[in-house]
Amino acid sequence: MDPIRIAVVGVGKIARDQHLPAIAGTPAFSLAATVSPDHRGPDDSIAHLESLEELLDKGPAIDAVALCTPPQVRYGLAAMALRRGIHVFMEKPPGATLSEVAALRERADKVGVTLFAAWHSRFAAGVAPARAWLSERRITNVSIIWREDVRVWHPGQAWIWEPGGLGVFDPGINALSILTHILPRAVFLKTATLGIPANRAAPIAADLALCDTTGAPIHMDLDWRQTGPQSWDIIVETDAGTLRLSQGGAVLSLPSGTEHNEDLEYPGLYSRFANLIRGGRSDVDIDPLRLVADAFLRGRRESVEAFYD
């Protein structure tokens, strides 16, 4: 079976650190081109174009695109690809609004191509076994502590502070993608407080109170002002003891012990994308983005100290 010819659109940090190595290590794909007005691809032997429109008009021929751009421009690019019958992989978050993602999902179904909303944290090593263990437990309490230094992880990325960029929910949505995947029951927001710097449009911190449909409380602490050790932890208390996912889901601790496994998030994503394409299916889960939208809809906004890179 011939490999799927894929182009990476947006050659920034996440593309270079994760997408390009994962594609190179996944036999189901071959990198046909890169697209970016600002950054060239990793290899002069790979075609590089300044726009997706130019690629689709002039070639080389492709079967799929991986969209690694900021979410504010994701809809137009995805819609363009879908109109040409091109399969679409969307880096998280899948779009700037729920309505955009719903429209793309409907379009993909109509034209019969694959649309994949890729929640990479769900492919962290500890997530699948955590989901299996929790499926048979009664959950009593959940705590999420997701604190990191924005200057380390998103230096100079102005788009992330603009409307649609999500601010601290850009990393926070990773935790929500794990939460909505591992808990056996639906989750919804009760209250939220968003700390927005005086000179920015998106939050730098957020405190969320959620619960599942049985009323089990879920508390989420997001902060982009963390210095020193970073925290990406989810602690779930159950009738059979405490489960802890740390390091963004890579390490799973259960009452029986701790599991450390190899990080295969992005290779896992691309294997999933290939299987979806081969099977003629899409995977567009909007639950994590819906919770973020609920936080913006219902959250109380507080002005905090101005932030400068």
Protein backbone atom coordinates (compact mmCIF):
# COMPACT_ATOMS: atom_id res chain seq x y z
CA MET A 1 0.00 0.00 0.00
CA ASP A 2 1.42 3.37 -1.01
CA PRO A 3 2.15 5.84 1.78
CA ILE A 4 -0.21 8.77 2.33
CA ARG A 5 1.34 11.94 0.89
CA ILE A 6 1.05 14.64 3.53
CA ALA A 7 1.90 18.34 3.74
CA VAL A 8 2.56 20.18 7.00
CA VAL A 9 1.00 23.64 7.04
CA GLY A 10 2.66 25.95 9.57
CA VAL A 11 6.31 25.17 10.26
CA GLY A 12 6.65 26.55 13.77
CA LYS A 13 7.92 25.03 17.00
CA ILE A 14 5.27 22.31 17.38
CA ALA A 15 5.70 21.20 13.77
CA ARG A 16 9.47 20.99 14.06
CA ASP A 17 9.51 19.40 17.51
CA GLN A 18 6.69 16.89 17.06
CA HIS A 19 4.94 16.63 13.70
CA LEU A 20 7.88 16.33 11.33
CA PRO A 21 9.70 13.69 13.43
CA ALA A 22 6.45 11.72 13.89
CA ILE A 23 5.72 11.75 10.15
CA ALA A 24 9.30 10.64 9.41
CA GLY A 25 8.85 7.74 11.84
CA THR A 26 5.44 6.61 10.57
CA PRO A 27 5.70 4.39 7.45
CA ALA A 28 2.06 5.08 6.54
CA PHE A 29 3.02 8.66 5.60
CA SER A 30 5.50 10.39 3.35
CA LEU A 31 6.19 14.11 3.71
CA ALA A 32 5.39 15.69 0.34
CA ALA A 33 5.62 19.40 1.19
CA THR A 34 5.74 22.07 3.86
CA VAL A 35 3.79 25.31 3.80
CA SER A 36 4.64 28.54 5.60
CA PRO A 37 5.18 32.18 4.62
CA ASP A 38 7.78 32.59 7.37
CA HIS A 39 9.70 29.34 7.96
CA ARG A 40 11.14 26.86 5.52
CA GLY A 41 10.88 23.13 5.99
CA PRO A 42 13.57 20.90 7.44
CA ASP A 43 15.05 19.69 4.17
CA ASP A 44 15.67 21.38 0.81
CA SER A 45 14.67 18.15 -0.90
CA ILE A 46 11.07 18.63 0.31
CA ALA A 47 8.92 21.08 -1.64
CA HIS A 48 8.17 24.27 0.29
CA LEU A 49 5.41 26.72 -0.60
CA GLU A 50 4.21 29.95 0.96
CA SER A 51 0.48 29.12 0.99
CA LEU A 52 -1.83 26.12 0.96
CA GLU A 53 -3.64 27.57 -2.05
CA GLU A 54 -0.36 27.62 -4.00
CA LEU A 55 0.33 24.01 -3.03
CA LEU A 56 -3.12 22.81 -4.08
CA ASP A 57 -2.92 24.71 -7.40
CA LYS A 58 0.67 23.91 -8.37
CA GLY A 59 1.55 20.71 -6.54
CA PRO A 60 3.18 18.48 -5.62
CA ALA A 61 0.17 16.19 -5.25
CA ILE A 62 -0.92 15.45 -1.70
CA ASP A 63 -3.52 13.27 0.01
CA ALA A 64 -3.58 14.94 3.44
CA VAL A 65 -2.57 18.04 5.36
CA ALA A 66 -1.55 18.55 8.98
CA LEU A 67 -2.60 22.03 10.11
CA CYS A 68 -0.14 23.36 12.69
CA THR A 69 -1.13 27.01 12.40
CA PRO A 70 -2.72 29.17 15.11
CA PRO A 71 -6.40 28.25 15.53
CA GLN A 72 -7.67 31.64 14.33
CA VAL A 73 -6.83 30.76 10.71
CA ARG A 74 -7.56 27.04 10.90
CA TYR A 75 -11.09 27.11 9.47
CA GLY A 76 -10.23 28.67 6.12
CA LEU A 77 -7.32 26.29 5.55
CA ALA A 78 -9.29 23.20 6.54
CA ALA A 79 -12.27 24.21 4.39
CA MET A 80 -9.97 24.78 1.40
CA ALA A 81 -8.42 21.33 1.79
CA LEU A 82 -11.76 19.59 2.26
CA ARG A 83 -13.12 21.20 -0.92
CA ARG A 84 -10.25 19.54 -2.81
CA GLY A 85 -10.91 16.14 -1.22
CA ILE A 86 -7.83 16.34 1.04
CA HIS A 87 -7.82 14.62 4.45
CA VAL A 88 -7.24 17.05 7.34
CA PHE A 89 -5.38 16.65 10.63
CA MET A 90 -5.97 19.58 13.00
CA GLU A 91 -3.51 20.30 15.81
CA LYS A 92 -5.24 21.22 19.04
CA PRO A 93 -7.37 23.21 19.57
CA PRO A 94 -9.18 22.21 16.36
CA GLY A 95 -10.55 25.71 15.76
CA ALA A 96 -11.18 29.13 17.20
CA THR A 97 -14.90 28.43 17.74
CA LEU A 98 -17.21 25.47 18.18
CA SER A 99 -19.27 26.57 15.19
CA GLU A 100 -16.23 26.44 12.91
CA VAL A 101 -15.42 22.89 13.95
CA ALA A 102 -19.04 21.77 13.54
CA ALA A 103 -19.13 23.23 10.03
CA LEU A 104 -15.88 21.46 9.11
CA ARG A 105 -17.17 18.15 10.46
CA GLU A 106 -20.33 18.49 8.36
CA ARG A 107 -18.29 19.34 5.27
CA ALA A 108 -15.95 16.38 5.75
CA ASP A 109 -18.91 14.02 6.06
CA LYS A 110 -20.46 15.41 2.86
CA VAL A 111 -17.33 15.08 0.75
CA GLY A 112 -16.32 11.75 2.28
CA VAL A 113 -12.84 12.59 3.54
CA THR A 114 -11.24 12.26 6.96
CA LEU A 115 -11.21 15.09 9.50
CA PHE A 116 -9.20 14.44 12.66
CA ALA A 117 -9.26 16.71 15.72
CA ALA A 118 -6.00 15.59 17.27
CA TRP A 119 -5.83 15.71 21.08
CA HIS A 120 -2.23 14.69 21.54
CA SER A 121 -2.34 14.39 25.34
CA ARG A 122 -4.82 11.50 25.03
CA PHE A 123 -1.97 9.51 23.53
CA ALA A 124 0.34 10.03 26.51
CA ALA A 125 1.51 6.71 27.91
CA GLY A 126 -0.56 6.71 31.11
CA VAL A 127 -3.88 7.81 29.67
CA ALA A 128 -5.25 4.57 28.19
CA PRO A 129 -4.54 2.48 31.31
CA ALA A 130 -5.96 5.26 33.49
CA ARG A 131 -9.18 5.21 31.47
CA ALA A 132 -9.44 1.44 31.83
CA TRP A 133 -8.82 1.53 35.60
CA LEU A 134 -11.35 4.30 36.21
CA SER A 135 -14.07 2.59 34.19
CA GLU A 136 -14.77 0.30 37.16
CA ARG A 137 -14.41 2.86 39.99
CA ARG A 138 -16.64 5.31 41.78
CA ILE A 139 -15.05 8.74 41.54
CA THR A 140 -15.25 10.99 44.59
CA ASN A 141 -12.99 13.93 43.73
CA VAL A 142 -10.71 15.21 40.96
CA SER A 143 -7.96 17.83 41.13
CA ILE A 144 -6.11 19.22 38.11
CA ILE A 145 -2.96 21.31 38.60
CA TRP A 146 -1.63 22.59 35.28
CA ARG A 147 1.00 25.27 35.90
CA GLU A 148 3.78 26.23 33.52
CA ASP A 149 5.94 29.15 32.44
CA VAL A 150 4.55 30.75 29.27
CA ARG A 151 7.92 32.36 28.57
CA VAL A 152 9.46 28.90 28.23
CA TRP A 153 6.74 27.19 26.20
CA HIS A 154 5.30 30.03 24.10
CA PRO A 155 7.98 32.73 23.79
CA GLY A 156 6.93 35.68 21.65
CA GLN A 157 3.76 34.04 20.35
CA ALA A 158 1.47 37.06 20.22
CA TRP A 159 -1.42 35.14 18.60
CA ILE A 160 -1.94 33.11 21.75
CA TRP A 161 -2.99 36.25 23.67
CA GLU A 162 -5.54 37.33 21.06
CA PRO A 163 -9.23 36.34 20.90
CA GLY A 164 -9.38 32.72 19.74
CA GLY A 165 -5.84 32.04 20.94
CA LEU A 166 -7.16 30.72 24.29
CA GLY A 167 -4.37 32.07 26.51
CA VAL A 168 -3.69 29.67 29.39
CA PHE A 169 -6.34 27.34 28.00
CA ASP A 170 -3.97 26.48 25.15
CA PRO A 171 -2.10 24.14 27.53
CA GLY A 172 -5.13 23.76 29.80
CA ILE A 173 -7.15 22.15 27.03
CA ASN A 174 -4.63 19.30 27.09
CA ALA A 175 -5.72 18.52 30.65
CA LEU A 176 -9.38 18.76 29.63
CA SER A 177 -8.76 16.40 26.72
CA ILE A 178 -7.41 13.83 29.18
CA LEU A 179 -10.15 14.46 31.74
CA THR A 180 -13.02 14.01 29.27
CA HIS A 181 -11.37 10.84 27.96
CA ILE A 182 -10.61 9.03 31.21
CA LEU A 183 -13.70 9.81 33.29
CA PRO A 184 -16.57 7.39 32.70
CA ARG A 185 -19.23 10.11 32.92
CA ALA A 186 -19.81 13.47 31.26
CA VAL A 187 -18.27 16.60 32.79
CA PHE A 188 -19.68 20.11 32.93
CA LEU A 189 -18.62 23.50 34.25
CA LYS A 190 -20.15 25.11 37.35
CA THR A 191 -18.07 28.27 37.86
CA ALA A 192 -14.86 29.82 36.58
CA THR A 193 -12.61 32.78 37.31
CA LEU A 194 -10.34 34.01 34.53
CA GLY A 195 -7.31 36.19 35.32
CA ILE A 196 -6.66 38.40 32.29
CA PRO A 197 -3.57 40.64 32.14
CA ALA A 198 -4.38 44.33 31.77
CA ASN A 199 -2.61 44.44 28.39
CA ARG A 200 -3.91 41.16 26.94
CA ALA A 201 -7.18 39.74 25.60
CA ALA A 202 -6.79 36.15 26.87
CA PRO A 203 -6.31 34.75 30.40
CA ILE A 204 -2.97 34.01 31.98
CA ALA A 205 -4.61 32.02 34.79
CA ALA A 206 -7.94 30.33 35.47
CA ASP A 207 -9.68 28.57 38.33
CA LEU A 208 -12.50 26.20 37.35
CA ALA A 209 -15.06 24.29 39.36
CA LEU A 210 -16.57 21.41 37.42
CA CYS A 211 -18.34 18.17 38.24
CA ASP A 212 -19.43 14.97 36.59
CA THR A 213 -23.05 13.91 36.23
CA THR A 214 -23.02 12.20 39.65
CA GLY A 215 -21.92 15.48 41.28
CA ALA A 216 -18.31 14.41 41.96
CA PRO A 217 -16.35 17.70 42.31
CA ILE A 218 -13.55 18.57 39.88
CA HIS A 219 -11.22 21.49 40.55
CA MET A 220 -8.87 22.87 37.90
CA ASP A 221 -5.98 25.26 38.63
CA LEU A 222 -4.37 26.78 35.51
CA ASP A 223 -1.52 29.26 35.64
CA TRP A 224 1.03 30.45 33.10
CA ARG A 225 3.17 32.29 35.64
CA GLN A 226 4.85 29.23 37.14
CA THR A 227 8.62 29.36 37.51
CA GLY A 228 10.85 26.51 38.55
CA PRO A 229 9.34 23.01 38.38
CA GLN A 230 6.33 22.77 36.06
CA SER A 231 3.14 20.94 37.04
CA TRP A 232 0.93 18.89 34.76
CA ASP A 233 -0.98 16.67 37.18
CA ILE A 234 -4.43 15.07 37.41
CA ILE A 235 -5.37 13.40 40.70
CA VAL A 236 -8.51 11.27 40.84
CA GLU A 237 -9.78 9.97 44.18
CA THR A 238 -11.96 6.88 43.97
CA ASP A 239 -13.52 4.18 46.16
CA ALA A 240 -10.47 2.01 45.37
CA GLY A 241 -7.78 4.57 46.12
CA THR A 242 -6.08 7.42 44.30
CA LEU A 243 -5.00 7.58 40.67
CA ARG A 244 -2.43 10.19 39.63
CA LEU A 245 -1.38 11.16 36.13
CA SER A 246 1.72 13.36 36.10
CA GLN A 247 4.06 14.87 33.52
CA GLY A 248 1.07 15.56 31.28
CA GLY A 249 -0.16 11.98 31.36
CA ALA A 250 3.18 10.26 30.77
CA VAL A 251 3.42 8.79 34.29
CA LEU A 252 0.57 6.85 35.89
CA SER A 253 0.47 6.13 39.62
CA LEU A 254 -2.10 3.67 40.99
CA PRO A 255 -2.49 2.10 44.43
CA SER A 256 -0.60 -0.88 43.01
CA GLY A 257 2.41 1.16 41.87
CA THR A 258 3.76 3.61 39.29
CA GLU A 259 4.14 3.05 35.55
CA HIS A 260 6.70 4.89 33.40
CA ASN A 261 6.37 4.29 29.66
CA GLU A 262 7.87 5.73 26.50
CA ASP A 263 6.31 8.97 25.22
CA LEU A 264 4.66 8.17 21.88
CA GLU A 265 2.03 10.91 21.71
CA TYR A 266 2.59 12.19 18.19
CA PRO A 267 3.49 8.84 16.60
CA GLY A 268 0.24 7.61 18.15
CA LEU A 269 -1.66 10.51 16.62
CA TYR A 270 -0.33 9.80 13.15
CA SER A 271 -1.04 6.08 13.43
CA ARG A 272 -4.61 7.02 14.38
CA PHE A 273 -4.86 9.44 11.45
CA ALA A 274 -3.65 6.77 9.02
CA ASN A 275 -6.19 4.26 10.35
CA LEU A 276 -8.99 6.81 10.03
CA ILE A 277 -8.03 7.54 6.42
CA ARG A 278 -7.76 3.87 5.51
CA GLY A 279 -11.13 3.21 7.16
CA GLY A 280 -12.90 6.20 5.60
CA ARG A 281 -13.79 7.69 9.01
CA SER A 282 -13.41 10.96 10.93
CA ASP A 283 -12.74 11.68 14.62
CA VAL A 284 -13.85 15.15 15.72
CA ASP A 285 -14.44 15.21 19.48
CA ILE A 286 -15.28 18.74 20.65
CA ASP A 287 -15.76 18.03 24.37
CA PRO A 288 -12.48 19.68 25.52
CA LEU A 289 -13.11 22.79 23.43
CA ARG A 290 -16.71 22.95 24.63
CA LEU A 291 -15.55 23.14 28.25
CA VAL A 292 -13.17 25.98 27.37
CA ALA A 293 -16.00 27.78 25.60
CA ASP A 294 -18.17 27.30 28.69
CA ALA A 295 -15.42 28.86 30.84
CA PHE A 296 -15.35 31.93 28.61
CA LEU A 297 -19.15 32.02 28.50
CA ARG A 298 -19.74 31.68 32.24
CA GLY A 299 -16.44 32.73 33.77
CA ARG A 300 -15.94 35.83 35.89
CA ARG A 301 -13.13 37.98 34.54
CA GLU A 302 -10.56 39.60 36.81
CA SER A 303 -7.91 42.04 35.62
CA VAL A 304 -4.40 41.06 36.75
CA GLU A 305 -0.92 42.53 36.33
CA ALA A 306 0.11 43.29 32.75
CA PHE A 307 2.26 40.61 31.09
CA TYR A 308 5.32 41.25 28.93
CA ASP A 309 7.49 38.63 27.21
